[in-house]
């Protein structure tokens, strides 16, 4: 039997060739996959390298600090909201982690002033001030829910001297892939919830 005949038989049985969808299209239907957001404003961990070029953020945030400190801090002129970009461990010209908060969370002397980052949202419309219910509606049940207290991720921007100035939140809604999954995915997101509203957001795809 010729190969053309075999192919014809296969088409008759199957109907049409099977088309494979990209893993990202299936992620929301697999409980072991990361289901949290992959972008916040112009920052993204989507794409083949899972990182954002710091140079691409220059027009939005202004000049990037020349220092190669790992965490880059930005604050509103009012001093309340804070944006922290954490350099990628594999390339310091990129960021793989972002944190925004509606309170001061960086006490570095090198903090720069920037505007409007506290209005950045995920593609699903979640940002600071969104409700915890909206988070669950957008991303489904969290991988883990923790009673948070005064917990806040510190990349060398707070220190013991200022830890008491970080306000407590009521819950942490954490999204990440199942560590027992066969697929390696370092993506994670945490929403700090206070009084039912999002007080801070972390999105990361780093070691």
Protein backbone atom coordinates (compact mmCIF):
# COMPACT_ATOMS: atom_id res chain seq x y z
CA UNK A 1 0.00 0.00 0.00
CA UNK A 2 1.37 3.41 -0.94
CA UNK A 3 1.96 6.19 1.59
CA UNK A 4 -0.67 8.30 -0.15
CA UNK A 5 -3.24 5.55 0.33
CA UNK A 6 -2.32 5.20 3.99
CA UNK A 7 -2.72 8.94 4.47
CA UNK A 8 -6.15 8.81 2.83
CA UNK A 9 -7.26 6.05 5.21
CA UNK A 10 -6.03 8.03 8.22
CA UNK A 11 -7.96 11.08 7.08
CA UNK A 12 -11.10 8.98 6.67
CA UNK A 13 -10.77 7.61 10.20
CA UNK A 14 -9.78 10.83 11.95
CA UNK A 15 -11.68 13.25 9.76
CA UNK A 16 -9.11 16.05 9.94
CA UNK A 17 -5.48 16.28 11.00
CA UNK A 18 -5.07 16.88 14.71
CA UNK A 19 -4.02 20.46 15.52
CA UNK A 20 -2.03 21.13 18.66
CA UNK A 21 -2.77 24.25 20.69
CA UNK A 22 -0.05 26.13 22.48
CA UNK A 23 0.42 25.21 26.16
CA UNK A 24 -0.66 28.72 27.23
CA UNK A 25 -4.06 28.14 25.65
CA UNK A 26 -4.53 25.04 27.81
CA UNK A 27 -3.10 26.39 31.06
CA UNK A 28 -6.41 27.54 32.55
CA UNK A 29 -7.86 24.04 32.11
CA UNK A 30 -5.00 22.22 33.85
CA UNK A 31 -4.87 22.45 37.65
CA UNK A 32 -1.11 21.77 37.68
CA UNK A 33 -0.32 24.78 35.44
CA UNK A 34 0.18 28.40 36.44
CA UNK A 35 -3.14 30.23 36.11
CA UNK A 36 -2.17 33.64 37.46
CA UNK A 37 -1.49 36.83 35.47
CA UNK A 38 1.53 37.09 33.18
CA UNK A 39 1.55 40.88 32.81
CA UNK A 40 1.07 44.01 34.89
CA UNK A 41 0.99 47.22 32.90
CA UNK A 42 3.98 47.13 30.52
CA UNK A 43 5.77 44.47 32.57
CA UNK A 44 5.39 40.88 31.38
CA UNK A 45 6.73 37.41 32.08
CA UNK A 46 5.07 35.93 28.99
CA UNK A 47 7.02 35.02 25.88
CA UNK A 48 9.89 32.60 25.32
CA UNK A 49 12.26 34.20 27.85
CA UNK A 50 9.76 35.26 30.49
CA UNK A 51 11.25 38.66 31.23
CA UNK A 52 10.97 42.39 30.46
CA UNK A 53 13.78 44.56 29.17
CA UNK A 54 14.53 47.45 31.51
CA UNK A 55 15.29 49.64 28.50
CA UNK A 56 11.70 49.13 27.28
CA UNK A 57 10.46 50.72 30.53
CA UNK A 58 12.69 53.77 30.29
CA UNK A 59 10.16 55.87 28.34
CA UNK A 60 7.51 55.10 30.95
CA UNK A 61 9.48 55.32 34.18
CA UNK A 62 12.39 57.53 33.19
CA UNK A 63 16.11 56.72 33.34
CA UNK A 64 17.02 53.47 35.02
CA UNK A 65 19.55 53.59 37.86
CA UNK A 66 23.05 52.88 36.61
CA UNK A 67 23.82 50.90 39.73
CA UNK A 68 23.49 47.16 39.38
CA UNK A 69 21.69 46.73 42.68
CA UNK A 70 19.23 43.92 42.25
CA UNK A 71 16.07 45.83 43.15
CA UNK A 72 15.09 49.10 41.44
CA UNK A 73 12.67 51.29 43.42
CA UNK A 74 10.19 53.88 42.18
CA UNK A 75 7.63 55.88 44.17
CA UNK A 76 4.84 58.32 43.51
CA UNK A 77 5.62 61.92 44.38
CA UNK A 78 3.21 61.58 47.30
CA UNK A 79 5.50 58.87 48.68
CA UNK A 80 2.70 56.36 49.21
CA UNK A 81 2.64 53.87 46.33
CA UNK A 82 5.80 51.96 45.41
CA UNK A 83 7.02 50.03 42.39
CA UNK A 84 9.89 47.55 42.71
CA UNK A 85 11.53 45.88 39.71
CA UNK A 86 13.91 43.03 40.45
CA UNK A 87 16.68 42.31 37.97
CA UNK A 88 16.72 38.84 36.42
CA UNK A 89 19.31 36.49 37.85
CA UNK A 90 20.35 35.49 34.32
CA UNK A 91 20.69 39.02 32.86
CA UNK A 92 20.78 42.28 34.85
CA UNK A 93 19.43 44.22 31.85
CA UNK A 94 16.06 42.53 32.30
CA UNK A 95 13.50 42.24 35.09
CA UNK A 96 11.72 39.00 35.97
CA UNK A 97 9.91 40.24 39.09
CA UNK A 98 7.62 43.19 39.75
CA UNK A 99 5.95 44.35 42.97
CA UNK A 100 3.55 47.25 43.32
CA UNK A 101 2.00 48.34 46.59
CA UNK A 102 -0.34 51.09 47.75
CA UNK A 103 2.05 51.91 50.60
CA UNK A 104 5.73 52.71 50.93
CA UNK A 105 7.64 49.44 50.59
CA UNK A 106 11.10 50.63 49.53
CA UNK A 107 13.43 52.58 51.79
CA UNK A 108 16.41 52.76 49.45
CA UNK A 109 18.12 56.14 49.07
CA UNK A 110 18.13 55.56 45.30
CA UNK A 111 14.33 55.52 45.00
CA UNK A 112 13.21 57.47 41.94
CA UNK A 113 9.96 59.31 41.36
CA UNK A 114 7.59 57.89 38.74
CA UNK A 115 3.92 58.39 37.94
CA UNK A 116 0.87 56.26 37.15
CA UNK A 117 2.38 52.84 37.86
CA UNK A 118 -0.16 52.37 40.66
CA UNK A 119 -2.88 52.29 37.98
CA UNK A 120 -1.23 49.41 36.08
CA UNK A 121 -3.48 46.40 35.71
CA UNK A 122 -3.23 42.80 34.58
CA UNK A 123 -4.79 41.82 31.22
CA UNK A 124 -7.81 40.66 33.23
CA UNK A 125 -8.23 44.13 34.75
CA UNK A 126 -6.87 43.39 38.23
CA UNK A 127 -4.82 46.07 39.97
CA UNK A 128 -4.37 47.84 43.28
CA UNK A 129 -7.77 48.34 44.87
CA UNK A 130 -9.43 45.43 43.06
CA UNK A 131 -11.47 43.14 45.28
CA UNK A 132 -10.31 39.73 46.40
CA UNK A 133 -13.47 38.34 44.81
CA UNK A 134 -12.43 39.86 41.47
CA UNK A 135 -9.04 38.15 41.77
CA UNK A 136 -10.68 34.76 42.29
CA UNK A 137 -13.12 35.40 39.45
CA UNK A 138 -10.24 36.23 37.10
CA UNK A 139 -7.84 33.40 38.02
CA UNK A 140 -9.87 30.77 39.85
CA UNK A 141 -9.08 29.30 43.26
CA UNK A 142 -5.58 30.23 44.48
CA UNK A 143 -2.88 27.59 44.78
CA UNK A 144 -2.66 28.60 48.42
CA UNK A 145 -4.30 31.08 50.80
CA UNK A 146 -2.31 32.30 53.77
CA UNK A 147 -3.10 34.53 56.71
CA UNK A 148 -0.47 37.09 56.06
CA UNK A 149 0.08 39.43 58.98
CA UNK A 150 2.90 41.83 58.16
CA UNK A 151 4.53 39.61 55.53
CA UNK A 152 5.93 41.40 52.47
CA UNK A 153 8.64 40.18 50.05
CA UNK A 154 11.93 41.94 50.80
CA UNK A 155 14.57 42.09 48.08
CA UNK A 156 16.85 44.21 50.21
CA UNK A 157 14.55 47.23 50.00
CA UNK A 158 13.14 47.23 53.55
CA UNK A 159 15.49 45.80 56.15
CA UNK A 160 14.86 45.27 59.84
CA UNK A 161 14.99 48.98 60.58
CA UNK A 162 11.84 49.64 58.52
CA UNK A 163 9.96 46.34 58.74
CA UNK A 164 7.52 47.78 61.29
CA UNK A 165 6.41 50.34 58.69
CA UNK A 166 5.02 47.66 56.38
CA UNK A 167 1.26 47.44 57.03
CA UNK A 168 -0.26 44.05 57.76
CA UNK A 169 -2.64 42.49 55.27
CA UNK A 170 -5.38 39.96 55.94
CA UNK A 171 -4.66 37.34 53.30
CA UNK A 172 -2.19 36.26 50.65
CA UNK A 173 -3.72 34.76 47.51
CA UNK A 174 -0.92 32.79 45.85
CA UNK A 175 -0.89 31.42 42.32
CA UNK A 176 1.82 29.10 41.02
CA UNK A 177 2.19 25.83 39.15
CA UNK A 178 2.18 22.50 40.93
CA UNK A 179 5.79 21.71 41.96
CA UNK A 180 5.04 18.04 41.17
CA UNK A 181 4.08 18.84 37.59
CA UNK A 182 6.21 17.41 34.79
CA UNK A 183 6.56 20.90 33.32
CA UNK A 184 9.05 23.33 34.84
CA UNK A 185 7.31 26.68 35.36
CA UNK A 186 8.68 29.24 37.81
CA UNK A 187 5.82 31.70 37.26
CA UNK A 188 4.13 32.90 40.42
CA UNK A 189 1.88 35.68 41.61
CA UNK A 190 0.83 36.82 45.07
CA UNK A 191 -1.95 39.26 45.89
CA UNK A 192 -1.84 40.87 49.33
CA UNK A 193 -5.44 41.48 50.43
CA UNK A 194 -6.39 44.05 53.08
CA UNK A 195 -10.00 44.84 53.97
CA UNK A 196 -11.11 42.81 50.94
CA UNK A 197 -8.99 44.84 48.47
CA UNK A 198 -5.66 44.26 46.73
CA UNK A 199 -2.96 46.18 48.62
CA UNK A 200 0.05 44.74 46.80
CA UNK A 201 0.86 42.49 43.86
CA UNK A 202 3.93 40.40 43.05
CA UNK A 203 4.43 38.71 39.67
CA UNK A 204 7.63 36.76 39.07
CA UNK A 205 9.28 34.22 36.81
CA UNK A 206 12.72 33.88 38.37
CA UNK A 207 14.74 31.40 40.39
